[in-house]
Amino acid sequence: GGGLFDPRQLVRSLPDAVRKLDPRVMVKSPVMFVVLV
């Protein structure tokens, strides 16, 4: 439920967002990898 954009999904997705800080994942997006560095 909640349509394509459900604000509650933000909270549920937060742990995944933190796990994606892994440099091996971030390097797939050069722009955001530079921001991480």
Full PDB file with SEQRES, HELIX, SHEET, SSBOND, CRYST1, ORIGX, SCALE, CONECT and MASTER records, all heavy atoms in Angstrom:
SEQRES   1 A   37  GLY GLY GLY LEU PHE ASP PRO ARG GLN LEU VAL ARG SER          
SEQRES   2 A   37  LEU PRO ASP ALA VAL ARG LYS LEU ASP PRO ARG VAL MET          
SEQRES   3 A   37  VAL LYS SER PRO VAL MET PHE VAL VAL LEU VAL                  
HELIX    1 AA1 PRO A    7  ARG A   19  1                                  13    
HELIX    2 AA2 PRO A   23  MET A   26  1                                   4    
HELIX    3 AA3 PRO A   30  LEU A   36  1                                   7    
CRYST1    1.000    1.000    1.000  90.00  90.00  90.00 P 1           1          
ORIGX1      1.000000  0.000000  0.000000        0.00000                         
ORIGX2      0.000000  1.000000  0.000000        0.00000                         
ORIGX3      0.000000  0.000000  1.000000        0.00000                         
SCALE1      1.000000  0.000000  0.000000        0.00000                         
SCALE2      0.000000  1.000000  0.000000        0.00000                         
SCALE3      0.000000  0.000000  1.000000        0.00000                         
ATOM      1  N   GLY A   1       0.804  -1.207   0.000  1.00  0.00           N  
ATOM      2  CA  GLY A   1       0.000   0.000   0.000  1.00  0.00           C  
ATOM      3  C   GLY A   1       0.834   1.253   0.000  1.00  0.00           C  
ATOM      4  O   GLY A   1       2.047   1.259  -0.051  1.00  0.00           O  
ATOM      5  N   GLY A   2       0.130   2.363   0.080  1.00  0.00           N  
ATOM      6  CA  GLY A   2       0.792   3.641   0.202  1.00  0.00           C  
ATOM      7  C   GLY A   2       1.165   4.293  -1.080  1.00  0.00           C  
ATOM      8  O   GLY A   2       1.843   5.309  -1.090  1.00  0.00           O  
ATOM      9  N   GLY A   3       0.735   3.728  -2.230  1.00  0.00           N  
ATOM     10  CA  GLY A   3       1.113   4.356  -3.487  1.00  0.00           C  
ATOM     11  C   GLY A   3       2.576   4.102  -3.799  1.00  0.00           C  
ATOM     12  O   GLY A   3       3.300   3.418  -3.088  1.00  0.00           O  
ATOM     13  N   LEU A   4       3.035   4.672  -4.904  1.00  0.00           N  
ATOM     14  CA  LEU A   4       4.410   4.439  -5.314  1.00  0.00           C  
ATOM     15  C   LEU A   4       5.394   5.110  -4.372  1.00  0.00           C  
ATOM     16  O   LEU A   4       6.498   4.653  -4.184  1.00  0.00           O  
ATOM     17  CB  LEU A   4       4.608   4.969  -6.740  1.00  0.00           C  
ATOM     18  CG  LEU A   4       5.868   4.478  -7.454  1.00  0.00           C  
ATOM     19  CD1 LEU A   4       5.861   2.967  -7.525  1.00  0.00           C  
ATOM     20  CD2 LEU A   4       5.936   5.057  -8.853  1.00  0.00           C  
ATOM     21  N   PHE A   5       4.996   6.226  -3.768  1.00  0.00           N  
ATOM     22  CA  PHE A   5       5.864   6.867  -2.786  1.00  0.00           C  
ATOM     23  C   PHE A   5       5.149   6.897  -1.446  1.00  0.00           C  
ATOM     24  O   PHE A   5       4.226   7.666  -1.232  1.00  0.00           O  
ATOM     25  CB  PHE A   5       6.242   8.285  -3.218  1.00  0.00           C  
ATOM     26  CG  PHE A   5       7.092   8.988  -2.189  1.00  0.00           C  
ATOM     27  CD1 PHE A   5       8.370   8.550  -1.940  1.00  0.00           C  
ATOM     28  CD2 PHE A   5       6.595  10.060  -1.475  1.00  0.00           C  
ATOM     29  CE1 PHE A   5       9.161   9.183  -0.997  1.00  0.00           C  
ATOM     30  CE2 PHE A   5       7.369  10.697  -0.533  1.00  0.00           C  
ATOM     31  CZ  PHE A   5       8.670  10.255  -0.291  1.00  0.00           C  
ATOM     32  N   ASP A   6       5.557   6.022  -0.550  1.00  0.00           N  
ATOM     33  CA  ASP A   6       4.978   5.931   0.776  1.00  0.00           C  
ATOM     34  C   ASP A   6       5.979   6.504   1.769  1.00  0.00           C  
ATOM     35  O   ASP A   6       7.080   5.957   1.932  1.00  0.00           O  
ATOM     36  CB  ASP A   6       4.677   4.462   1.094  1.00  0.00           C  
ATOM     37  CG  ASP A   6       4.021   4.290   2.450  1.00  0.00           C  
ATOM     38  OD1 ASP A   6       3.802   5.308   3.129  1.00  0.00           O  
ATOM     39  OD2 ASP A   6       3.732   3.139   2.823  1.00  0.00           O  
ATOM     40  N   PRO A   7       5.663   7.611   2.468  1.00  0.00           N  
ATOM     41  CA  PRO A   7       6.617   8.191   3.415  1.00  0.00           C  
ATOM     42  C   PRO A   7       7.106   7.190   4.456  1.00  0.00           C  
ATOM     43  O   PRO A   7       8.249   7.280   4.922  1.00  0.00           O  
ATOM     44  CB  PRO A   7       5.801   9.324   4.062  1.00  0.00           C  
ATOM     45  CG  PRO A   7       4.797   9.697   3.035  1.00  0.00           C  
ATOM     46  CD  PRO A   7       4.437   8.409   2.350  1.00  0.00           C  
ATOM     47  N   ARG A   8       6.247   6.223   4.812  1.00  0.00           N  
ATOM     48  CA  ARG A   8       6.686   5.218   5.780  1.00  0.00           C  
ATOM     49  C   ARG A   8       7.823   4.373   5.239  1.00  0.00           C  
ATOM     50  O   ARG A   8       8.605   3.789   6.008  1.00  0.00           O  
ATOM     51  CB  ARG A   8       5.510   4.319   6.155  1.00  0.00           C  
ATOM     52  CG  ARG A   8       4.408   5.038   6.954  1.00  0.00           C  
ATOM     53  CD  ARG A   8       3.213   4.151   7.149  1.00  0.00           C  
ATOM     54  NE  ARG A   8       2.599   3.796   5.873  1.00  0.00           N  
ATOM     55  CZ  ARG A   8       1.560   2.990   5.743  1.00  0.00           C  
ATOM     56  NH1 ARG A   8       1.008   2.450   6.805  1.00  0.00           N  
ATOM     57  NH2 ARG A   8       1.055   2.732   4.548  1.00  0.00           N  
ATOM     58  N   GLN A   9       7.922   4.291   3.910  1.00  0.00           N  
ATOM     59  CA  GLN A   9       8.993   3.518   3.304  1.00  0.00           C  
ATOM     60  C   GLN A   9      10.350   4.145   3.588  1.00  0.00           C  
ATOM     61  O   GLN A   9      11.376   3.469   3.599  1.00  0.00           O  
ATOM     62  CB  GLN A   9       8.767   3.417   1.790  1.00  0.00           C  
ATOM     63  CG  GLN A   9       9.719   2.474   1.069  1.00  0.00           C  
ATOM     64  CD  GLN A   9       9.439   1.022   1.427  1.00  0.00           C  
ATOM     65  OE1 GLN A   9       8.300   0.589   1.486  1.00  0.00           O  
ATOM     66  NE2 GLN A   9      10.486   0.269   1.678  1.00  0.00           N  
ATOM     67  N   LEU A  10      10.379   5.465   3.816  1.00  0.00           N  
ATOM     68  CA  LEU A  10      11.635   6.135   4.157  1.00  0.00           C  
ATOM     69  C   LEU A  10      12.248   5.532   5.412  1.00  0.00           C  
ATOM     70  O   LEU A  10      13.444   5.247   5.462  1.00  0.00           O  
ATOM     71  CB  LEU A  10      11.399   7.633   4.358  1.00  0.00           C  
ATOM     72  CG  LEU A  10      11.092   8.467   3.117  1.00  0.00           C  
ATOM     73  CD1 LEU A  10      10.667   9.865   3.516  1.00  0.00           C  
ATOM     74  CD2 LEU A  10      12.309   8.526   2.204  1.00  0.00           C  
ATOM     75  N   VAL A  11      11.404   5.328   6.433  1.00  0.00           N  
ATOM     76  CA  VAL A  11      11.891   4.772   7.698  1.00  0.00           C  
ATOM     77  C   VAL A  11      12.340   3.327   7.505  1.00  0.00           C  
ATOM     78  O   VAL A  11      13.405   2.917   7.987  1.00  0.00           O  
ATOM     79  CB  VAL A  11      10.798   4.867   8.775  1.00  0.00           C  
ATOM     80  CG1 VAL A  11      11.275   4.238  10.082  1.00  0.00           C  
ATOM     81  CG2 VAL A  11      10.399   6.321   8.992  1.00  0.00           C  
ATOM     82  N   ARG A  12      11.530   2.549   6.757  1.00  0.00           N  
ATOM     83  CA  ARG A  12      11.875   1.146   6.548  1.00  0.00           C  
ATOM     84  C   ARG A  12      13.144   0.986   5.720  1.00  0.00           C  
ATOM     85  O   ARG A  12      13.849  -0.020   5.840  1.00  0.00           O  
ATOM     86  CB  ARG A  12      10.712   0.425   5.868  1.00  0.00           C  
ATOM     87  CG  ARG A  12       9.475   0.281   6.735  1.00  0.00           C  
ATOM     88  CD  ARG A  12       8.492  -0.715   6.138  1.00  0.00           C  
ATOM     89  NE  ARG A  12       7.939  -0.241   4.880  1.00  0.00           N  
ATOM     90  CZ  ARG A  12       6.793   0.416   4.777  1.00  0.00           C  
ATOM     91  NH1 ARG A  12       6.089   0.690   5.869  1.00  0.00           N  
ATOM     92  NH2 ARG A  12       6.333   0.811   3.606  1.00  0.00           N  
ATOM     93  N   SER A  13      13.422   1.961   4.865  1.00  0.00           N  
ATOM     94  CA  SER A  13      14.577   1.851   3.959  1.00  0.00           C  
ATOM     95  C   SER A  13      15.858   2.413   4.560  1.00  0.00           C  
ATOM     96  O   SER A  13      16.930   2.271   3.963  1.00  0.00           O  
ATOM     97  CB  SER A  13      14.274   2.576   2.644  1.00  0.00           C  
ATOM     98  OG  SER A  13      13.137   2.044   2.016  1.00  0.00           O  
ATOM     99  N   LEU A  14      15.760   3.068   5.714  1.00  0.00           N  
ATOM    100  CA  LEU A  14      16.941   3.712   6.295  1.00  0.00           C  
ATOM    101  C   LEU A  14      18.080   2.732   6.560  1.00  0.00           C  
ATOM    102  O   LEU A  14      19.242   3.032   6.242  1.00  0.00           O  
ATOM    103  CB  LEU A  14      16.548   4.458   7.569  1.00  0.00           C  
ATOM    104  CG  LEU A  14      17.603   5.408   8.149  1.00  0.00           C  
ATOM    105  CD1 LEU A  14      18.013   6.446   7.107  1.00  0.00           C  
ATOM    106  CD2 LEU A  14      17.072   6.093   9.402  1.00  0.00           C  
ATOM    107  N   PRO A  15      17.835   1.535   7.147  1.00  0.00           N  
ATOM    108  CA  PRO A  15      18.951   0.591   7.342  1.00  0.00           C  
ATOM    109  C   PRO A  15      19.651   0.217   6.042  1.00  0.00           C  
ATOM    110  O   PRO A  15      20.880   0.101   5.998  1.00  0.00           O  
ATOM    111  CB  PRO A  15      18.271  -0.616   7.994  1.00  0.00           C  
ATOM    112  CG  PRO A  15      17.045  -0.055   8.658  1.00  0.00           C  
ATOM    113  CD  PRO A  15      16.576   1.027   7.746  1.00  0.00           C  
ATOM    114  N   ASP A  16      18.869   0.026   4.968  1.00  0.00           N  
ATOM    115  CA  ASP A  16      19.480  -0.291   3.671  1.00  0.00           C  
ATOM    116  C   ASP A  16      20.330   0.871   3.171  1.00  0.00           C  
ATOM    117  O   ASP A  16      21.390   0.662   2.570  1.00  0.00           O  
ATOM    118  CB  ASP A  16      18.400  -0.613   2.636  1.00  0.00           C  
ATOM    119  CG  ASP A  16      17.757  -1.961   2.868  1.00  0.00           C  
ATOM    120  OD1 ASP A  16      18.416  -2.826   3.474  1.00  0.00           O  
ATOM    121  OD2 ASP A  16      16.594  -2.144   2.467  1.00  0.00           O  
ATOM    122  N   ALA A  17      19.857   2.099   3.408  1.00  0.00           N  
ATOM    123  CA  ALA A  17      20.619   3.276   2.976  1.00  0.00           C  
ATOM    124  C   ALA A  17      21.961   3.342   3.694  1.00  0.00           C  
ATOM    125  O   ALA A  17      22.984   3.698   3.091  1.00  0.00           O  
ATOM    126  CB  ALA A  17      19.815   4.547   3.241  1.00  0.00           C  
ATOM    127  N   VAL A  18      21.982   2.983   4.976  1.00  0.00           N  
ATOM    128  CA  VAL A  18      23.240   2.996   5.738  1.00  0.00           C  
ATOM    129  C   VAL A  18      24.176   1.905   5.215  1.00  0.00           C  
ATOM    130  O   VAL A  18      25.389   2.127   5.060  1.00  0.00           O  
ATOM    131  CB  VAL A  18      22.953   2.806   7.238  1.00  0.00           C  
ATOM    132  CG1 VAL A  18      24.259   2.660   8.019  1.00  0.00           C  
ATOM    133  CG2 VAL A  18      22.143   3.983   7.779  1.00  0.00           C  
ATOM    134  N   ARG A  19      23.610   0.715   4.909  1.00  0.00           N  
ATOM    135  CA  ARG A  19      24.451  -0.372   4.392  1.00  0.00           C  
ATOM    136  C   ARG A  19      25.069  -0.021   3.044  1.00  0.00           C  
ATOM    137  O   ARG A  19      26.155  -0.502   2.701  1.00  0.00           O  
ATOM    138  CB  ARG A  19      23.623  -1.657   4.281  1.00  0.00           C  
ATOM    139  CG  ARG A  19      23.398  -2.361   5.607  1.00  0.00           C  
ATOM    140  CD  ARG A  19      22.807  -3.743   5.416  1.00  0.00           C  
ATOM    141  NE  ARG A  19      21.414  -3.681   5.001  1.00  0.00           N  
ATOM    142  CZ  ARG A  19      20.391  -3.677   5.846  1.00  0.00           C  
ATOM    143  NH1 ARG A  19      20.614  -3.715   7.153  1.00  0.00           N  
ATOM    144  NH2 ARG A  19      19.152  -3.640   5.398  1.00  0.00           N  
ATOM    145  N   LYS A  20      24.391   0.807   2.277  1.00  0.00           N  
ATOM    146  CA  LYS A  20      24.915   1.197   0.972  1.00  0.00           C  
ATOM    147  C   LYS A  20      26.095   2.160   1.066  1.00  0.00           C  
ATOM    148  O   LYS A  20      26.674   2.530   0.045  1.00  0.00           O  
ATOM    149  CB  LYS A  20      23.801   1.836   0.130  1.00  0.00           C  
ATOM    150  CG  LYS A  20      22.758   0.846  -0.385  1.00  0.00           C  
ATOM    151  CD  LYS A  20      21.665   1.564  -1.152  1.00  0.00           C  
ATOM    152  CE  LYS A  20      20.635   0.593  -1.695  1.00  0.00           C  
ATOM    153  NZ  LYS A  20      21.194  -0.243  -2.791  1.00  0.00           N  
ATOM    154  N   LEU A  21      26.466   2.588   2.274  1.00  0.00           N  
ATOM    155  CA  LEU A  21      27.650   3.448   2.430  1.00  0.00           C  
ATOM    156  C   LEU A  21      28.943   2.684   2.186  1.00  0.00           C  
ATOM    157  O   LEU A  21      30.018   3.288   2.147  1.00  0.00           O  
ATOM    158  CB  LEU A  21      27.661   4.063   3.839  1.00  0.00           C  
ATOM    159  CG  LEU A  21      26.555   5.082   4.137  1.00  0.00           C  
ATOM    160  CD1 LEU A  21      26.601   5.499   5.593  1.00  0.00           C  
ATOM    161  CD2 LEU A  21      26.693   6.304   3.230  1.00  0.00           C  
ATOM    162  N   ASP A  22      28.833   1.379   2.020  1.00  0.00           N  
ATOM    163  CA  ASP A  22      29.994   0.550   1.683  1.00  0.00           C  
ATOM    164  C   ASP A  22      30.642   1.098   0.408  1.00  0.00           C  
ATOM    165  O   ASP A  22      29.980   1.219  -0.622  1.00  0.00           O  
ATOM    166  CB  ASP A  22      29.533  -0.894   1.459  1.00  0.00           C  
ATOM    167  CG  ASP A  22      30.688  -1.862   1.245  1.00  0.00           C  
ATOM    168  OD1 ASP A  22      31.785  -1.405   0.849  1.00  0.00           O  
ATOM    169  OD2 ASP A  22      30.492  -3.066   1.456  1.00  0.00           O  
ATOM    170  N   PRO A  23      31.937   1.448   0.451  1.00  0.00           N  
ATOM    171  CA  PRO A  23      32.605   2.004  -0.745  1.00  0.00           C  
ATOM    172  C   PRO A  23      32.483   1.116  -1.972  1.00  0.00           C  
ATOM    173  O   PRO A  23      32.458   1.606  -3.097  1.00  0.00           O  
ATOM    174  CB  PRO A  23      34.059   2.152  -0.298  1.00  0.00           C  
ATOM    175  CG  PRO A  23      33.986   2.275   1.192  1.00  0.00           C  
ATOM    176  CD  PRO A  23      32.836   1.406   1.614  1.00  0.00           C  
ATOM    177  N   ARG A  24      32.415  -0.218  -1.762  1.00  0.00           N  
ATOM    178  CA  ARG A  24      32.291  -1.135  -2.905  1.00  0.00           C  
ATOM    179  C   ARG A  24      30.948  -0.955  -3.620  1.00  0.00           C  
ATOM    180  O   ARG A  24      30.828  -1.262  -4.808  1.00  0.00           O  
ATOM    181  CB  ARG A  24      32.432  -2.581  -2.422  1.00  0.00           C  
ATOM    182  CG  ARG A  24      33.830  -2.930  -1.926  1.00  0.00           C  
ATOM    183  CD  ARG A  24      33.857  -4.259  -1.246  1.00  0.00           C  
ATOM    184  NE  ARG A  24      33.017  -4.258  -0.038  1.00  0.00           N  
ATOM    185  CZ  ARG A  24      32.893  -5.310   0.784  1.00  0.00           C  
ATOM    186  NH1 ARG A  24      33.550  -6.434   0.514  1.00  0.00           N  
ATOM    187  NH2 ARG A  24      32.130  -5.233   1.853  1.00  0.00           N  
ATOM    188  N   VAL A  25      29.958  -0.474  -2.886  1.00  0.00           N  
ATOM    189  CA  VAL A  25      28.657  -0.169  -3.491  1.00  0.00           C  
ATOM    190  C   VAL A  25      28.665   1.235  -4.074  1.00  0.00           C  
ATOM    191  O   VAL A  25      28.194   1.472  -5.189  1.00  0.00           O  
ATOM    192  CB  VAL A  25      27.531  -0.318  -2.445  1.00  0.00           C  
ATOM    193  CG1 VAL A  25      26.188   0.079  -3.045  1.00  0.00           C  
ATOM    194  CG2 VAL A  25      27.476  -1.741  -1.910  1.00  0.00           C  
ATOM    195  N   MET A  26      29.236   2.178  -3.313  1.00  0.00           N  
ATOM    196  CA  MET A  26      29.216   3.580  -3.726  1.00  0.00           C  
ATOM    197  C   MET A  26      30.013   3.831  -4.999  1.00  0.00           C  
ATOM    198  O   MET A  26      29.692   4.738  -5.764  1.00  0.00           O  
ATOM    199  CB  MET A  26      29.771   4.459  -2.604  1.00  0.00           C  
ATOM    200  CG  MET A  26      28.945   4.466  -1.332  1.00  0.00           C  
ATOM    201  SD  MET A  26      27.293   5.153  -1.579  1.00  0.00           S  
ATOM    202  CE  MET A  26      27.689   6.793  -2.164  1.00  0.00           C  
ATOM    203  N   VAL A  27      31.052   3.032  -5.242  1.00  0.00           N  
ATOM    204  CA  VAL A  27      31.912   3.282  -6.402  1.00  0.00           C  
ATOM    205  C   VAL A  27      31.149   3.100  -7.715  1.00  0.00           C  
ATOM    206  O   VAL A  27      31.582   3.591  -8.770  1.00  0.00           O  
ATOM    207  CB  VAL A  27      33.141   2.357  -6.354  1.00  0.00           C  
ATOM    208  CG1 VAL A  27      32.778   0.924  -6.747  1.00  0.00           C  
ATOM    209  CG2 VAL A  27      34.270   2.896  -7.241  1.00  0.00           C  
ATOM    210  N   LYS A  28      29.991   2.414  -7.672  1.00  0.00           N  
ATOM    211  CA  LYS A  28      29.193   2.231  -8.882  1.00  0.00           C  
ATOM    212  C   LYS A  28      28.570   3.539  -9.350  1.00  0.00           C  
ATOM    213  O   LYS A  28      28.148   3.648 -10.493  1.00  0.00           O  
ATOM    214  CB  LYS A  28      28.096   1.189  -8.634  1.00  0.00           C  
ATOM    215  CG  LYS A  28      28.642  -0.203  -8.319  1.00  0.00           C  
ATOM    216  CD  LYS A  28      27.511  -1.176  -8.010  1.00  0.00           C  
ATOM    217  CE  LYS A  28      28.069  -2.550  -7.641  1.00  0.00           C  
ATOM    218  NZ  LYS A  28      26.990  -3.496  -7.284  1.00  0.00           N  
ATOM    219  N   SER A  29      28.500   4.522  -8.446  1.00  0.00           N  
ATOM    220  CA  SER A  29      28.017   5.856  -8.802  1.00  0.00           C  
ATOM    221  C   SER A  29      29.160   6.840  -8.589  1.00  0.00           C  
ATOM    222  O   SER A  29      29.401   7.278  -7.453  1.00  0.00           O  
ATOM    223  CB  SER A  29      26.809   6.243  -7.942  1.00  0.00           C  
ATOM    224  OG  SER A  29      26.426   7.576  -8.200  1.00  0.00           O  
ATOM    225  N   PRO A  30      29.905   7.177  -9.645  1.00  0.00           N  
ATOM    226  CA  PRO A  30      31.107   8.008  -9.481  1.00  0.00           C  
ATOM    227  C   PRO A  30      30.851   9.327  -8.766  1.00  0.00           C  
ATOM    228  O   PRO A  30      31.660   9.753  -7.941  1.00  0.00           O  
ATOM    229  CB  PRO A  30      31.574   8.237 -10.927  1.00  0.00           C  
ATOM    230  CG  PRO A  30      30.988   7.108 -11.711  1.00  0.00           C  
ATOM    231  CD  PRO A  30      29.693   6.795 -11.053  1.00  0.00           C  
ATOM    232  N   VAL A  31      29.736   9.972  -9.058  1.00  0.00           N  
ATOM    233  CA  VAL A  31      29.447  11.271  -8.446  1.00  0.00           C  
ATOM    234  C   VAL A  31      29.312  11.124  -6.936  1.00  0.00           C  
ATOM    235  O   VAL A  31      29.941  11.850  -6.153  1.00  0.00           O  
ATOM    236  CB  VAL A  31      28.166  11.883  -9.045  1.00  0.00           C  
ATOM    237  CG1 VAL A  31      27.810  13.179  -8.320  1.00  0.00           C  
ATOM    238  CG2 VAL A  31      28.346  12.147 -10.532  1.00  0.00           C  
ATOM    239  N   MET A  32      28.495  10.172  -6.504  1.00  0.00           N  
ATOM    240  CA  MET A  32      28.265  10.015  -5.076  1.00  0.00           C  
ATOM    241  C   MET A  32      29.473   9.405  -4.373  1.00  0.00           C  
ATOM    242  O   MET A  32      29.678   9.621  -3.175  1.00  0.00           O  
ATOM    243  CB  MET A  32      27.017   9.159  -4.825  1.00  0.00           C  
ATOM    244  CG  MET A  32      25.732   9.763  -5.382  1.00  0.00           C  
ATOM    245  SD  MET A  32      25.541  11.549  -5.067  1.00  0.00           S  
ATOM    246  CE  MET A  32      25.557  11.602  -3.287  1.00  0.00           C  
ATOM    247  N   PHE A  33      30.309   8.672  -5.100  1.00  0.00           N  
ATOM    248  CA  PHE A  33      31.545   8.154  -4.503  1.00  0.00           C  
ATOM    249  C   PHE A  33      32.486   9.309  -4.155  1.00  0.00           C  
ATOM    250  O   PHE A  33      33.151   9.299  -3.113  1.00  0.00           O  
ATOM    251  CB  PHE A  33      32.227   7.185  -5.466  1.00  0.00           C  
ATOM    252  CG  PHE A  33      33.498   6.582  -4.911  1.00  0.00           C  
ATOM    253  CD1 PHE A  33      33.450   5.653  -3.884  1.00  0.00           C  
ATOM    254  CD2 PHE A  33      34.738   6.959  -5.417  1.00  0.00           C  
ATOM    255  CE1 PHE A  33      34.616   5.105  -3.371  1.00  0.00           C  
ATOM    256  CE2 PHE A  33      35.898   6.417  -4.909  1.00  0.00           C  
ATOM    257  CZ  PHE A  33      35.845   5.485  -3.883  1.00  0.00           C  
ATOM    258  N   VAL A  34      32.529  10.323  -5.028  1.00  0.00           N  
ATOM    259  CA  VAL A  34      33.340  11.505  -4.741  1.00  0.00           C  
ATOM    260  C   VAL A  34      32.817  12.211  -3.492  1.00  0.00           C  
ATOM    261  O   VAL A  34      33.595  12.659  -2.637  1.00  0.00           O  
ATOM    262  CB  VAL A  34      33.346  12.461  -5.952  1.00  0.00           C  
ATOM    263  CG1 VAL A  34      33.949  13.814  -5.574  1.00  0.00           C  
ATOM    264  CG2 VAL A  34      34.115  11.852  -7.105  1.00  0.00           C  
ATOM    265  N   VAL A  35      31.486  12.295  -3.354  1.00  0.00           N  
ATOM    266  CA  VAL A  35      30.907  12.919  -2.167  1.00  0.00           C  
ATOM    267  C   VAL A  35      31.256  12.108  -0.918  1.00  0.00           C  
ATOM    268  O   VAL A  35      31.554  12.674   0.146  1.00  0.00           O  
ATOM    269  CB  VAL A  35      29.378  13.058  -2.315  1.00  0.00           C  
ATOM    270  CG1 VAL A  35      28.771  13.733  -1.079  1.00  0.00           C  
ATOM    271  CG2 VAL A  35      29.028  13.857  -3.561  1.00  0.00           C  
ATOM    272  N   LEU A  36      31.236  10.776  -1.029  1.00  0.00           N  
ATOM    273  CA  LEU A  36      31.602   9.923   0.104  1.00  0.00           C  
ATOM    274  C   LEU A  36      33.049  10.163   0.522  1.00  0.00           C  
ATOM    275  O   LEU A  36      33.345  10.314   1.718  1.00  0.00           O  
ATOM    276  CB  LEU A  36      31.390   8.448  -0.262  1.00  0.00           C  
ATOM    277  CG  LEU A  36      31.823   7.431   0.799  1.00  0.00           C  
ATOM    278  CD1 LEU A  36      30.950   7.538   2.041  1.00  0.00           C  
ATOM    279  CD2 LEU A  36      31.784   6.009   0.240  1.00  0.00           C  
ATOM    280  N   VAL A  37      33.951  10.213  -0.454  1.00  0.00           N  
ATOM    281  CA  VAL A  37      35.368  10.471  -0.141  1.00  0.00           C  
ATOM    282  C   VAL A  37      35.509  11.851   0.500  1.00  0.00           C  
ATOM    283  O   VAL A  37      36.255  12.030   1.483  1.00  0.00           O  
ATOM    284  CB  VAL A  37      36.228  10.364  -1.416  1.00  0.00           C  
ATOM    285  CG1 VAL A  37      37.656  10.815  -1.133  1.00  0.00           C  
ATOM    286  CG2 VAL A  37      36.210   8.932  -1.952  1.00  0.00           C  
TER     287      VAL A  37                                                      
MASTER        0    0    0    3    0    0    0    6  286    1    0    3          
END                                                                             
